[in-house]
Amino acid sequence: MKGFDPQYADLPDYILKCTRLIWEGRGISELDWHYGDDLLVRTPAGISRGNAAGKANTMATLTEFPDRELLGEDVIWSGDESTGFLSSHRILSTATHMGGAFGPATGTQCTFRTIADTFCKENRVWDEWLIRDNAAIAVQLGQSPKDAAHAVILAGDTNMPLTPDTDIAGPYKGRGNSNEWGEKHADVLRRIMVGDFSGISRQYDRACHLSFPCGQESHGHGATTEFWLGLRSALPNAVFTIEHQIGRRDPMMPPRSAIRWSLTGTHEGWGRFGPPTGTFIHVMGVSHVEFGPWGIRREYTLFDEIAIWKQILLQSQV
């Protein structure tokens, strides 16, 4: 690949190898030649800027979860050598909690997913959107997402999580590709967001496997409907936007899609977040799906429920 170290055969190889090198190999200094000096990293909690911030965040996470293993489940990507690549990297992590942002050490073995959308060019990451299922960690440590958000606020972090008004434009301006599988996935999401929940039985395999926030693993049409209906009913008039869309078909892989999306509006309905509070909520979400002969056979959807509850709590007396 033009501009990349010759040890990397292709983009997925680059993403998987450098992730392992930095995290499991403790190669923090490797960030100097894998991350751009002015790297932007957006998470649902906020924005960090610069390589130094990336190093600090990496070390803090490794201190709290020192034996963390990052198992790369898939890299769904678009782009080319001349304009750069956008990779959507889905990771399953296993780790022991030894104390930090989630409270005193518990020794609990945790499993949680992360999806990172990264803009890569000439061996460096220049722009990133990172969503980790922090609520899954909280639940495994005996906390509810709401209680975890409350603890963050009590600890003195009263900064509002990321919203469209506080976002910052970075170097990546792409929107993905127009592959048919990304288009199919986008159509499913748009239909759900306008209330066509009856279509789920036509668009999803009856035996579909689902991975949702809070570490939820489910199967079937009923669980699919329950999740998406619960989210949409909490934000019935919120604006749904597809921020980035990739579809791919690769050898020895099922057709698949990665879509980063947002839902922005008022918490004015009963649903996933309890009684309506009238607060303004921005959901930064991402979904990976795999297609089979009877529709979507696997779905992985993430958002940070702790960041959502933090928005609610900072604006209300709930």
C-alpha atoms as a PDB file:
ATOM      1  CA  MET A   1       0.000   0.000   0.000  1.00  0.00           C
ATOM      2  CA  LYS A   2       1.344   3.409  -1.034  1.00  0.00           C
ATOM      3  CA  GLY A   3       2.849   5.292   1.898  1.00  0.00           C
ATOM      4  CA  PHE A   4       2.304   2.442   4.390  1.00  0.00           C
ATOM      5  CA  ASP A   5       5.003   0.404   6.096  1.00  0.00           C
ATOM      6  CA  PRO A   6       5.763  -2.698   3.987  1.00  0.00           C
ATOM      7  CA  GLN A   7       4.877  -5.002   6.903  1.00  0.00           C
ATOM      8  CA  TYR A   8       1.182  -4.271   6.181  1.00  0.00           C
ATOM      9  CA  ALA A   9      -0.342  -6.285   3.323  1.00  0.00           C
ATOM     10  CA  ASP A  10      -3.610  -4.338   3.082  1.00  0.00           C
ATOM     11  CA  LEU A  11      -5.839  -2.043   5.126  1.00  0.00           C
ATOM     12  CA  PRO A  12      -7.396  -4.725   7.388  1.00  0.00           C
ATOM     13  CA  ASP A  13      -3.893  -6.062   8.059  1.00  0.00           C
ATOM     14  CA  TYR A  14      -2.748  -2.542   9.022  1.00  0.00           C
ATOM     15  CA  ILE A  15      -5.699  -1.967  11.362  1.00  0.00           C
ATOM     16  CA  LEU A  16      -5.465  -5.360  13.087  1.00  0.00           C
ATOM     17  CA  LYS A  17      -1.677  -5.382  13.479  1.00  0.00           C
ATOM     18  CA  CYS A  18      -1.217  -1.830  14.735  1.00  0.00           C
ATOM     19  CA  THR A  19      -4.108  -2.232  17.206  1.00  0.00           C
ATOM     20  CA  ARG A  20      -2.448  -5.317  18.675  1.00  0.00           C
ATOM     21  CA  LEU A  21       0.975  -3.663  18.654  1.00  0.00           C
ATOM     22  CA  ILE A  22      -0.218  -0.596  20.550  1.00  0.00           C
ATOM     23  CA  TRP A  23      -2.593  -2.194  23.050  1.00  0.00           C
ATOM     24  CA  GLU A  24      -1.465  -5.735  23.718  1.00  0.00           C
ATOM     25  CA  GLY A  25       2.186  -5.093  22.865  1.00  0.00           C
ATOM     26  CA  ARG A  26       2.180  -1.956  25.064  1.00  0.00           C
ATOM     27  CA  GLY A  27       3.751  -0.049  22.185  1.00  0.00           C
ATOM     28  CA  ILE A  28       2.501   3.367  23.322  1.00  0.00           C
ATOM     29  CA  SER A  29       5.373   5.050  21.477  1.00  0.00           C
ATOM     30  CA  GLU A  30       4.089   3.448  18.261  1.00  0.00           C
ATOM     31  CA  LEU A  31       1.334   6.065  18.332  1.00  0.00           C
ATOM     32  CA  ASP A  32       3.978   8.547  17.158  1.00  0.00           C
ATOM     33  CA  TRP A  33       4.029   6.992  13.698  1.00  0.00           C
ATOM     34  CA  HIS A  34       0.529   5.478  13.605  1.00  0.00           C
ATOM     35  CA  TYR A  35      -1.414   8.579  14.753  1.00  0.00           C
ATOM     36  CA  GLY A  36      -1.348  12.024  13.190  1.00  0.00           C
ATOM     37  CA  ASP A  37      -0.007  14.814  15.389  1.00  0.00           C
ATOM     38  CA  ASP A  38      -3.341  16.652  15.251  1.00  0.00           C
ATOM     39  CA  LEU A  39      -5.556  13.545  15.352  1.00  0.00           C
ATOM     40  CA  LEU A  40      -9.227  14.150  16.187  1.00  0.00           C
ATOM     41  CA  VAL A  41     -10.954  11.408  18.189  1.00  0.00           C
ATOM     42  CA  ARG A  42     -14.697  11.788  18.719  1.00  0.00           C
ATOM     43  CA  THR A  43     -16.458   9.607  21.265  1.00  0.00           C
ATOM     44  CA  PRO A  44     -20.002   9.979  22.588  1.00  0.00           C
ATOM     45  CA  ALA A  45     -18.421  11.515  25.712  1.00  0.00           C
ATOM     46  CA  GLY A  46     -16.584  14.264  23.829  1.00  0.00           C
ATOM     47  CA  ILE A  47     -13.574  15.072  21.662  1.00  0.00           C
ATOM     48  CA  SER A  48      -9.848  14.663  22.248  1.00  0.00           C
ATOM     49  CA  ARG A  49      -7.263  16.211  19.995  1.00  0.00           C
ATOM     50  CA  GLY A  50      -3.642  15.370  19.338  1.00  0.00           C
ATOM     51  CA  ASN A  51      -1.328  12.414  19.707  1.00  0.00           C
ATOM     52  CA  ALA A  52      -0.489  13.285  23.323  1.00  0.00           C
ATOM     53  CA  ALA A  53      -4.149  12.949  24.311  1.00  0.00           C
ATOM     54  CA  GLY A  54      -4.290   9.605  22.522  1.00  0.00           C
ATOM     55  CA  LYS A  55      -1.309   8.345  24.493  1.00  0.00           C
ATOM     56  CA  ALA A  56      -2.777   9.513  27.806  1.00  0.00           C
ATOM     57  CA  ASN A  57      -6.154   7.890  27.119  1.00  0.00           C
ATOM     58  CA  THR A  58      -4.513   4.627  26.040  1.00  0.00           C
ATOM     59  CA  MET A  59      -2.361   4.456  29.171  1.00  0.00           C
ATOM     60  CA  ALA A  60      -5.320   5.242  31.452  1.00  0.00           C
ATOM     61  CA  THR A  61      -7.367   2.433  29.923  1.00  0.00           C
ATOM     62  CA  LEU A  62      -4.459  -0.016  30.194  1.00  0.00           C
ATOM     63  CA  THR A  63      -4.034   0.899  33.853  1.00  0.00           C
ATOM     64  CA  GLU A  64      -7.683   0.117  34.559  1.00  0.00           C
ATOM     65  CA  PHE A  65      -7.728  -3.000  32.345  1.00  0.00           C
ATOM     66  CA  PRO A  66      -4.072  -4.157  32.265  1.00  0.00           C
ATOM     67  CA  ASP A  67      -4.703  -7.556  30.646  1.00  0.00           C
ATOM     68  CA  ARG A  68      -7.071  -6.280  27.972  1.00  0.00           C
ATOM     69  CA  GLU A  69      -7.130  -8.306  24.772  1.00  0.00           C
ATOM     70  CA  LEU A  70      -8.611  -6.703  21.667  1.00  0.00           C
ATOM     71  CA  LEU A  71      -9.991  -9.347  19.339  1.00  0.00           C
ATOM     72  CA  GLY A  72     -10.629  -7.853  15.913  1.00  0.00           C
ATOM     73  CA  GLU A  73     -13.879  -9.364  14.649  1.00  0.00           C
ATOM     74  CA  ASP A  74     -14.046  -7.476  11.364  1.00  0.00           C
ATOM     75  CA  VAL A  75     -12.736  -4.497   9.397  1.00  0.00           C
ATOM     76  CA  ILE A  76     -15.279  -3.082   6.940  1.00  0.00           C
ATOM     77  CA  TRP A  77     -13.622  -0.435   4.786  1.00  0.00           C
ATOM     78  CA  SER A  78     -13.803   1.902   1.811  1.00  0.00           C
ATOM     79  CA  GLY A  79     -11.469   4.275  -0.030  1.00  0.00           C
ATOM     80  CA  ASP A  80      -8.156   3.952  -1.843  1.00  0.00           C
ATOM     81  CA  GLU A  81      -4.463   4.801  -1.614  1.00  0.00           C
ATOM     82  CA  SER A  82      -4.764   8.252  -3.202  1.00  0.00           C
ATOM     83  CA  THR A  83      -7.662   9.647  -1.150  1.00  0.00           C
ATOM     84  CA  GLY A  84      -7.138   7.532   1.970  1.00  0.00           C
ATOM     85  CA  PHE A  85      -9.153   4.773   3.611  1.00  0.00           C
ATOM     86  CA  LEU A  86     -12.007   4.709   6.112  1.00  0.00           C
ATOM     87  CA  SER A  87     -12.042   1.540   8.217  1.00  0.00           C
ATOM     88  CA  SER A  88     -14.843   0.496  10.560  1.00  0.00           C
ATOM     89  CA  HIS A  89     -13.125  -1.874  12.985  1.00  0.00           C
ATOM     90  CA  ARG A  90     -15.268  -4.012  15.285  1.00  0.00           C
ATOM     91  CA  ILE A  91     -13.465  -5.282  18.385  1.00  0.00           C
ATOM     92  CA  LEU A  92     -14.449  -7.695  21.134  1.00  0.00           C
ATOM     93  CA  SER A  93     -12.384  -6.987  24.258  1.00  0.00           C
ATOM     94  CA  THR A  94     -11.806  -9.148  27.313  1.00  0.00           C
ATOM     95  CA  ALA A  95     -10.250  -7.525  30.390  1.00  0.00           C
ATOM     96  CA  THR A  96      -9.956  -7.630  34.175  1.00  0.00           C
ATOM     97  CA  HIS A  97     -11.116  -4.495  36.004  1.00  0.00           C
ATOM     98  CA  MET A  98      -8.318  -3.222  38.259  1.00  0.00           C
ATOM     99  CA  GLY A  99      -9.705   0.180  39.168  1.00  0.00           C
ATOM    100  CA  GLY A 100      -9.998   3.561  37.482  1.00  0.00           C
ATOM    101  CA  ALA A 101     -12.765   5.468  35.728  1.00  0.00           C
ATOM    102  CA  PHE A 102     -15.309   2.754  36.608  1.00  0.00           C
ATOM    103  CA  GLY A 103     -14.444   2.832  40.323  1.00  0.00           C
ATOM    104  CA  PRO A 104     -12.188   0.871  42.693  1.00  0.00           C
ATOM    105  CA  ALA A 105     -10.717  -2.430  41.552  1.00  0.00           C
ATOM    106  CA  THR A 106     -13.166  -5.332  41.512  1.00  0.00           C
ATOM    107  CA  GLY A 107     -11.167  -8.034  39.750  1.00  0.00           C
ATOM    108  CA  THR A 108     -14.210  -8.610  37.547  1.00  0.00           C
ATOM    109  CA  GLN A 109     -13.665 -10.229  34.158  1.00  0.00           C
ATOM    110  CA  CYS A 110     -15.398  -8.016  31.574  1.00  0.00           C
ATOM    111  CA  THR A 111     -16.282  -8.500  27.920  1.00  0.00           C
ATOM    112  CA  PHE A 112     -17.340  -5.561  25.759  1.00  0.00           C
ATOM    113  CA  ARG A 113     -17.390  -4.344  22.160  1.00  0.00           C
ATOM    114  CA  THR A 114     -15.939  -1.272  20.483  1.00  0.00           C
ATOM    115  CA  ILE A 115     -16.340  -0.008  16.936  1.00  0.00           C
ATOM    116  CA  ALA A 116     -13.780   2.514  15.660  1.00  0.00           C
ATOM    117  CA  ASP A 117     -14.196   4.360  12.367  1.00  0.00           C
ATOM    118  CA  THR A 118     -10.733   5.621  11.382  1.00  0.00           C
ATOM    119  CA  PHE A 119      -9.467   7.659   8.443  1.00  0.00           C
ATOM    120  CA  CYS A 120      -6.067   6.274   7.468  1.00  0.00           C
ATOM    121  CA  LYS A 121      -3.584   7.581   4.930  1.00  0.00           C
ATOM    122  CA  GLU A 122       0.138   6.989   4.511  1.00  0.00           C
ATOM    123  CA  ASN A 123       0.500   4.831   7.617  1.00  0.00           C
ATOM    124  CA  ARG A 124      -1.286   7.204   9.986  1.00  0.00           C
ATOM    125  CA  VAL A 125      -4.739   7.703  11.450  1.00  0.00           C
ATOM    126  CA  TRP A 126      -5.875  11.308  11.005  1.00  0.00           C
ATOM    127  CA  ASP A 127      -9.536  11.258  12.036  1.00  0.00           C
ATOM    128  CA  GLU A 128     -11.514   8.866  14.251  1.00  0.00           C
ATOM    129  CA  TRP A 129     -15.002   8.155  15.575  1.00  0.00           C
ATOM    130  CA  LEU A 130     -14.851   5.730  18.522  1.00  0.00           C
ATOM    131  CA  ILE A 131     -17.837   4.098  20.234  1.00  0.00           C
ATOM    132  CA  ARG A 132     -17.267   1.702  23.140  1.00  0.00           C
ATOM    133  CA  ASP A 133     -20.070  -0.113  24.915  1.00  0.00           C
ATOM    134  CA  ASN A 134     -19.214   1.445  28.272  1.00  0.00           C
ATOM    135  CA  ALA A 135     -22.610   0.429  29.637  1.00  0.00           C
ATOM    136  CA  ALA A 136     -21.639  -3.227  29.153  1.00  0.00           C
ATOM    137  CA  ILE A 137     -18.677  -2.675  31.462  1.00  0.00           C
ATOM    138  CA  ALA A 138     -20.856  -0.885  34.024  1.00  0.00           C
ATOM    139  CA  VAL A 139     -23.464  -3.652  34.029  1.00  0.00           C
ATOM    140  CA  GLN A 140     -20.810  -6.339  34.568  1.00  0.00           C
ATOM    141  CA  LEU A 141     -19.484  -4.304  37.508  1.00  0.00           C
ATOM    142  CA  GLY A 142     -22.948  -4.206  39.086  1.00  0.00           C
ATOM    143  CA  GLN A 143     -23.908  -0.668  38.004  1.00  0.00           C
ATOM    144  CA  SER A 144     -26.790   0.535  35.859  1.00  0.00           C
ATOM    145  CA  PRO A 145     -25.897   2.917  33.001  1.00  0.00           C
ATOM    146  CA  LYS A 146     -27.833   5.666  34.801  1.00  0.00           C
ATOM    147  CA  ASP A 147     -25.967   5.091  38.071  1.00  0.00           C
ATOM    148  CA  ALA A 148     -22.643   5.041  36.227  1.00  0.00           C
ATOM    149  CA  ALA A 149     -23.466   8.387  34.598  1.00  0.00           C
ATOM    150  CA  HIS A 150     -24.465   9.803  37.986  1.00  0.00           C
ATOM    151  CA  ALA A 151     -21.125   8.658  39.457  1.00  0.00           C
ATOM    152  CA  VAL A 152     -19.235  10.415  36.656  1.00  0.00           C
ATOM    153  CA  ILE A 153     -21.062  13.668  37.416  1.00  0.00           C
ATOM    154  CA  LEU A 154     -20.514  13.342  41.183  1.00  0.00           C
ATOM    155  CA  ALA A 155     -16.794  12.835  40.484  1.00  0.00           C
ATOM    156  CA  GLY A 156     -16.749  16.319  38.977  1.00  0.00           C
ATOM    157  CA  ASP A 157     -17.135  15.672  35.263  1.00  0.00           C
ATOM    158  CA  THR A 158     -20.003  17.960  34.331  1.00  0.00           C
ATOM    159  CA  ASN A 159     -19.010  18.424  30.695  1.00  0.00           C
ATOM    160  CA  MET A 160     -21.841  17.800  28.272  1.00  0.00           C
ATOM    161  CA  PRO A 161     -21.199  14.797  25.993  1.00  0.00           C
ATOM    162  CA  LEU A 162     -20.731  15.286  22.267  1.00  0.00           C
ATOM    163  CA  THR A 163     -23.548  17.035  20.406  1.00  0.00           C
ATOM    164  CA  PRO A 164     -23.763  18.385  16.843  1.00  0.00           C
ATOM    165  CA  ASP A 165     -23.044  21.878  18.214  1.00  0.00           C
ATOM    166  CA  THR A 166     -19.777  20.802  19.853  1.00  0.00           C
ATOM    167  CA  ASP A 167     -18.515  18.542  17.069  1.00  0.00           C
ATOM    168  CA  ILE A 168     -15.441  19.599  15.077  1.00  0.00           C
ATOM    169  CA  ALA A 169     -14.865  19.057  11.374  1.00  0.00           C
ATOM    170  CA  GLY A 170     -11.771  17.013  10.616  1.00  0.00           C
ATOM    171  CA  PRO A 171      -9.763  16.126   7.525  1.00  0.00           C
ATOM    172  CA  TYR A 172     -12.025  13.257   6.430  1.00  0.00           C
ATOM    173  CA  LYS A 173     -14.898  14.495   4.253  1.00  0.00           C
ATOM    174  CA  GLY A 174     -15.992  11.185   2.710  1.00  0.00           C
ATOM    175  CA  ARG A 175     -19.390   9.510   3.034  1.00  0.00           C
ATOM    176  CA  GLY A 176     -18.332   5.931   2.272  1.00  0.00           C
ATOM    177  CA  ASN A 177     -19.425   4.104  -0.854  1.00  0.00           C
ATOM    178  CA  SER A 178     -22.574   3.240  -2.808  1.00  0.00           C
ATOM    179  CA  ASN A 179     -22.220  -0.553  -2.608  1.00  0.00           C
ATOM    180  CA  GLU A 180     -25.573  -2.371  -2.814  1.00  0.00           C
ATOM    181  CA  TRP A 181     -25.223  -3.968   0.629  1.00  0.00           C
ATOM    182  CA  GLY A 182     -24.719  -0.624   2.329  1.00  0.00           C
ATOM    183  CA  GLU A 183     -27.775   0.635   0.442  1.00  0.00           C
ATOM    184  CA  LYS A 184     -29.838  -2.336   1.656  1.00  0.00           C
ATOM    185  CA  HIS A 185     -28.747  -1.731   5.249  1.00  0.00           C
ATOM    186  CA  ALA A 186     -29.492   1.997   5.011  1.00  0.00           C
ATOM    187  CA  ASP A 187     -32.971   1.236   3.686  1.00  0.00           C
ATOM    188  CA  VAL A 188     -33.657  -1.067   6.654  1.00  0.00           C
ATOM    189  CA  LEU A 189     -32.587   1.618   9.143  1.00  0.00           C
ATOM    190  CA  ARG A 190     -34.630   4.334   7.445  1.00  0.00           C
ATOM    191  CA  ARG A 191     -37.738   2.146   7.444  1.00  0.00           C
ATOM    192  CA  ILE A 192     -37.318   1.412  11.142  1.00  0.00           C
ATOM    193  CA  MET A 193     -36.884   5.101  11.942  1.00  0.00           C
ATOM    194  CA  VAL A 194     -40.178   6.004  10.236  1.00  0.00           C
ATOM    195  CA  GLY A 195     -41.961   3.340  12.272  1.00  0.00           C
ATOM    196  CA  ASP A 196     -42.079   0.430   9.828  1.00  0.00           C
ATOM    197  CA  PHE A 197     -41.355  -2.163  12.524  1.00  0.00           C
ATOM    198  CA  SER A 198     -43.546  -4.703  10.766  1.00  0.00           C
ATOM    199  CA  GLY A 199     -40.900  -4.855   8.045  1.00  0.00           C
ATOM    200  CA  ILE A 200     -38.362  -6.378  10.429  1.00  0.00           C
ATOM    201  CA  SER A 201     -39.815  -9.842   9.819  1.00  0.00           C
ATOM    202  CA  ARG A 202     -39.134  -9.413   6.089  1.00  0.00           C
ATOM    203  CA  GLN A 203     -35.686  -7.852   6.382  1.00  0.00           C
ATOM    204  CA  TYR A 204     -34.106  -9.975   9.127  1.00  0.00           C
ATOM    205  CA  ASP A 205     -33.422 -13.698   9.194  1.00  0.00           C
ATOM    206  CA  ARG A 206     -35.792 -15.364  11.671  1.00  0.00           C
ATOM    207  CA  ALA A 207     -32.755 -16.762  13.520  1.00  0.00           C
ATOM    208  CA  CYS A 208     -30.769 -13.495  13.472  1.00  0.00           C
ATOM    209  CA  HIS A 209     -28.092 -13.009  16.130  1.00  0.00           C
ATOM    210  CA  LEU A 210     -28.118  -9.546  17.713  1.00  0.00           C
ATOM    211  CA  SER A 211     -25.505  -7.680  19.782  1.00  0.00           C
ATOM    212  CA  PHE A 212     -26.878  -4.497  21.336  1.00  0.00           C
ATOM    213  CA  PRO A 213     -25.702  -1.893  23.936  1.00  0.00           C
ATOM    214  CA  CYS A 214     -25.250  -2.945  27.561  1.00  0.00           C
ATOM    215  CA  GLY A 215     -23.709  -6.188  26.312  1.00  0.00           C
ATOM    216  CA  GLN A 216     -27.108  -7.538  25.266  1.00  0.00           C
ATOM    217  CA  GLU A 217     -26.976 -10.674  23.121  1.00  0.00           C
ATOM    218  CA  SER A 218     -30.324 -11.712  21.635  1.00  0.00           C
ATOM    219  CA  HIS A 219     -31.898 -13.566  18.739  1.00  0.00           C
ATOM    220  CA  GLY A 220     -34.934 -13.275  16.510  1.00  0.00           C
ATOM    221  CA  HIS A 221     -37.486 -10.802  15.208  1.00  0.00           C
ATOM    222  CA  GLY A 222     -39.026 -10.069  18.600  1.00  0.00           C
ATOM    223  CA  ALA A 223     -35.751  -8.957  20.153  1.00  0.00           C
ATOM    224  CA  THR A 224     -34.940  -6.845  17.082  1.00  0.00           C
ATOM    225  CA  THR A 225     -38.278  -5.051  17.290  1.00  0.00           C
ATOM    226  CA  GLU A 226     -38.031  -4.564  21.054  1.00  0.00           C
ATOM    227  CA  PHE A 227     -34.637  -2.862  20.784  1.00  0.00           C
ATOM    228  CA  TRP A 228     -35.360  -0.500  17.909  1.00  0.00           C
ATOM    229  CA  LEU A 229     -38.890   0.310  19.093  1.00  0.00           C
ATOM    230  CA  GLY A 230     -37.582   1.110  22.579  1.00  0.00           C
ATOM    231  CA  LEU A 231     -34.990   3.511  21.185  1.00  0.00           C
ATOM    232  CA  ARG A 232     -37.295   5.225  18.713  1.00  0.00           C
ATOM    233  CA  SER A 233     -40.194   5.549  21.148  1.00  0.00           C
ATOM    234  CA  ALA A 234     -37.933   7.419  23.580  1.00  0.00           C
ATOM    235  CA  LEU A 235     -37.058   9.908  20.827  1.00  0.00           C
ATOM    236  CA  PRO A 236     -40.141   9.787  18.571  1.00  0.00           C
ATOM    237  CA  ASN A 237     -39.465  13.032  16.712  1.00  0.00           C
ATOM    238  CA  ALA A 238     -35.675  13.038  16.772  1.00  0.00           C
ATOM    239  CA  VAL A 239     -33.840  13.503  13.491  1.00  0.00           C
ATOM    240  CA  PHE A 240     -32.198  10.337  12.176  1.00  0.00           C
ATOM    241  CA  THR A 241     -29.090  10.863  10.025  1.00  0.00           C
ATOM    242  CA  ILE A 242     -26.802   8.418   8.277  1.00  0.00           C
ATOM    243  CA  GLU A 243     -23.362   9.929   8.783  1.00  0.00           C
ATOM    244  CA  HIS A 244     -21.281   7.320   6.951  1.00  0.00           C
ATOM    245  CA  GLN A 245     -22.084   4.176   4.978  1.00  0.00           C
ATOM    246  CA  ILE A 246     -19.941   1.297   3.692  1.00  0.00           C
ATOM    247  CA  GLY A 247     -21.058  -1.894   1.972  1.00  0.00           C
ATOM    248  CA  ARG A 248     -18.670  -4.708   1.044  1.00  0.00           C
ATOM    249  CA  ARG A 249     -18.507  -8.181  -0.408  1.00  0.00           C
ATOM    250  CA  ASP A 250     -15.164  -9.919   0.134  1.00  0.00           C
ATOM    251  CA  PRO A 251     -13.901 -13.464  -0.494  1.00  0.00           C
ATOM    252  CA  MET A 252     -14.886 -15.972   2.213  1.00  0.00           C
ATOM    253  CA  MET A 253     -17.066 -13.326   3.906  1.00  0.00           C
ATOM    254  CA  PRO A 254     -20.840 -12.712   3.801  1.00  0.00           C
ATOM    255  CA  PRO A 255     -22.063  -9.445   2.280  1.00  0.00           C
ATOM    256  CA  ARG A 256     -21.869  -6.854   5.038  1.00  0.00           C
ATOM    257  CA  SER A 257     -22.304  -3.210   5.895  1.00  0.00           C
ATOM    258  CA  ALA A 258     -21.084  -0.614   8.376  1.00  0.00           C
ATOM    259  CA  ILE A 259     -23.215   2.466   9.007  1.00  0.00           C
ATOM    260  CA  ARG A 260     -22.438   5.249  11.466  1.00  0.00           C
ATOM    261  CA  TRP A 261     -25.606   7.149  12.306  1.00  0.00           C
ATOM    262  CA  SER A 262     -27.064   9.670  14.729  1.00  0.00           C
ATOM    263  CA  LEU A 263     -30.405  10.364  16.381  1.00  0.00           C
ATOM    264  CA  THR A 264     -30.825  13.901  17.683  1.00  0.00           C
ATOM    265  CA  GLY A 265     -33.845  15.417  19.409  1.00  0.00           C
ATOM    266  CA  THR A 266     -35.980  15.651  22.516  1.00  0.00           C
ATOM    267  CA  HIS A 267     -36.516  12.831  25.007  1.00  0.00           C
ATOM    268  CA  GLU A 268     -40.290  13.111  24.894  1.00  0.00           C
ATOM    269  CA  GLY A 269     -41.478   9.506  24.936  1.00  0.00           C
ATOM    270  CA  TRP A 270     -41.493   6.451  27.143  1.00  0.00           C
ATOM    271  CA  GLY A 271     -38.931   3.934  25.980  1.00  0.00           C
ATOM    272  CA  ARG A 272     -35.364   2.835  26.551  1.00  0.00           C
ATOM    273  CA  PHE A 273     -34.548   5.761  28.845  1.00  0.00           C
ATOM    274  CA  GLY A 274     -37.566   5.639  31.124  1.00  0.00           C
ATOM    275  CA  PRO A 275     -40.121   8.427  31.641  1.00  0.00           C
ATOM    276  CA  PRO A 276     -39.785  11.346  29.214  1.00  0.00           C
ATOM    277  CA  THR A 277     -37.686  14.218  30.589  1.00  0.00           C
ATOM    278  CA  GLY A 278     -37.911  16.793  27.811  1.00  0.00           C
ATOM    279  CA  THR A 279     -34.116  16.877  27.584  1.00  0.00           C
ATOM    280  CA  PHE A 280     -32.134  17.251  24.377  1.00  0.00           C
ATOM    281  CA  ILE A 281     -30.309  14.034  23.452  1.00  0.00           C
ATOM    282  CA  HIS A 282     -27.729  13.206  20.804  1.00  0.00           C
ATOM    283  CA  VAL A 283     -27.168   9.502  20.144  1.00  0.00           C
ATOM    284  CA  MET A 284     -23.942   8.688  18.294  1.00  0.00           C
ATOM    285  CA  GLY A 285     -24.502   5.170  16.980  1.00  0.00           C
ATOM    286  CA  VAL A 286     -22.918   2.615  14.702  1.00  0.00           C
ATOM    287  CA  SER A 287     -24.238  -0.634  13.232  1.00  0.00           C
ATOM    288  CA  HIS A 288     -22.537  -3.536  11.481  1.00  0.00           C
ATOM    289  CA  VAL A 289     -24.663  -6.180   9.766  1.00  0.00           C
ATOM    290  CA  GLU A 290     -24.047  -9.385   7.834  1.00  0.00           C
ATOM    291  CA  PHE A 291     -26.504 -10.596   5.205  1.00  0.00           C
ATOM    292  CA  GLY A 292     -27.544 -14.163   4.436  1.00  0.00           C
ATOM    293  CA  PRO A 293     -30.103 -15.790   2.123  1.00  0.00           C
ATOM    294  CA  TRP A 294     -33.016 -14.788   4.401  1.00  0.00           C
ATOM    295  CA  GLY A 295     -31.977 -11.243   5.226  1.00  0.00           C
ATOM    296  CA  ILE A 296     -29.838  -9.778   7.992  1.00  0.00           C
ATOM    297  CA  ARG A 297     -28.379 -12.715   9.909  1.00  0.00           C
ATOM    298  CA  ARG A 298     -26.117 -10.819  12.333  1.00  0.00           C
ATOM    299  CA  GLU A 299     -26.307  -7.288  13.687  1.00  0.00           C
ATOM    300  CA  TYR A 300     -23.938  -5.409  15.976  1.00  0.00           C
ATOM    301  CA  THR A 301     -25.260  -2.008  17.088  1.00  0.00           C
ATOM    302  CA  LEU A 302     -23.445   0.187  19.600  1.00  0.00           C
ATOM    303  CA  PHE A 303     -23.982   3.479  21.363  1.00  0.00           C
ATOM    304  CA  ASP A 304     -22.712   4.677  24.727  1.00  0.00           C
ATOM    305  CA  GLU A 305     -25.726   4.549  27.038  1.00  0.00           C
ATOM    306  CA  ILE A 306     -23.748   6.138  29.879  1.00  0.00           C
ATOM    307  CA  ALA A 307     -23.151   9.227  27.725  1.00  0.00           C
ATOM    308  CA  ILE A 308     -26.868   9.384  26.937  1.00  0.00           C
ATOM    309  CA  TRP A 309     -27.820   9.182  30.606  1.00  0.00           C
ATOM    310  CA  LYS A 310     -25.241  11.849  31.391  1.00  0.00           C
ATOM    311  CA  GLN A 311     -26.979  14.183  28.941  1.00  0.00           C
ATOM    312  CA  ILE A 312     -30.332  13.473  30.612  1.00  0.00           C
ATOM    313  CA  LEU A 313     -29.016  13.941  34.163  1.00  0.00           C
ATOM    314  CA  LEU A 314     -27.156  17.169  33.417  1.00  0.00           C
ATOM    315  CA  GLN A 315     -30.379  18.697  32.054  1.00  0.00           C
ATOM    316  CA  SER A 316     -32.911  17.357  34.538  1.00  0.00           C
ATOM    317  CA  GLN A 317     -33.551  16.314  38.109  1.00  0.00           C
ATOM    318  CA  VAL A 318     -34.207  12.653  37.253  1.00  0.00           C
END
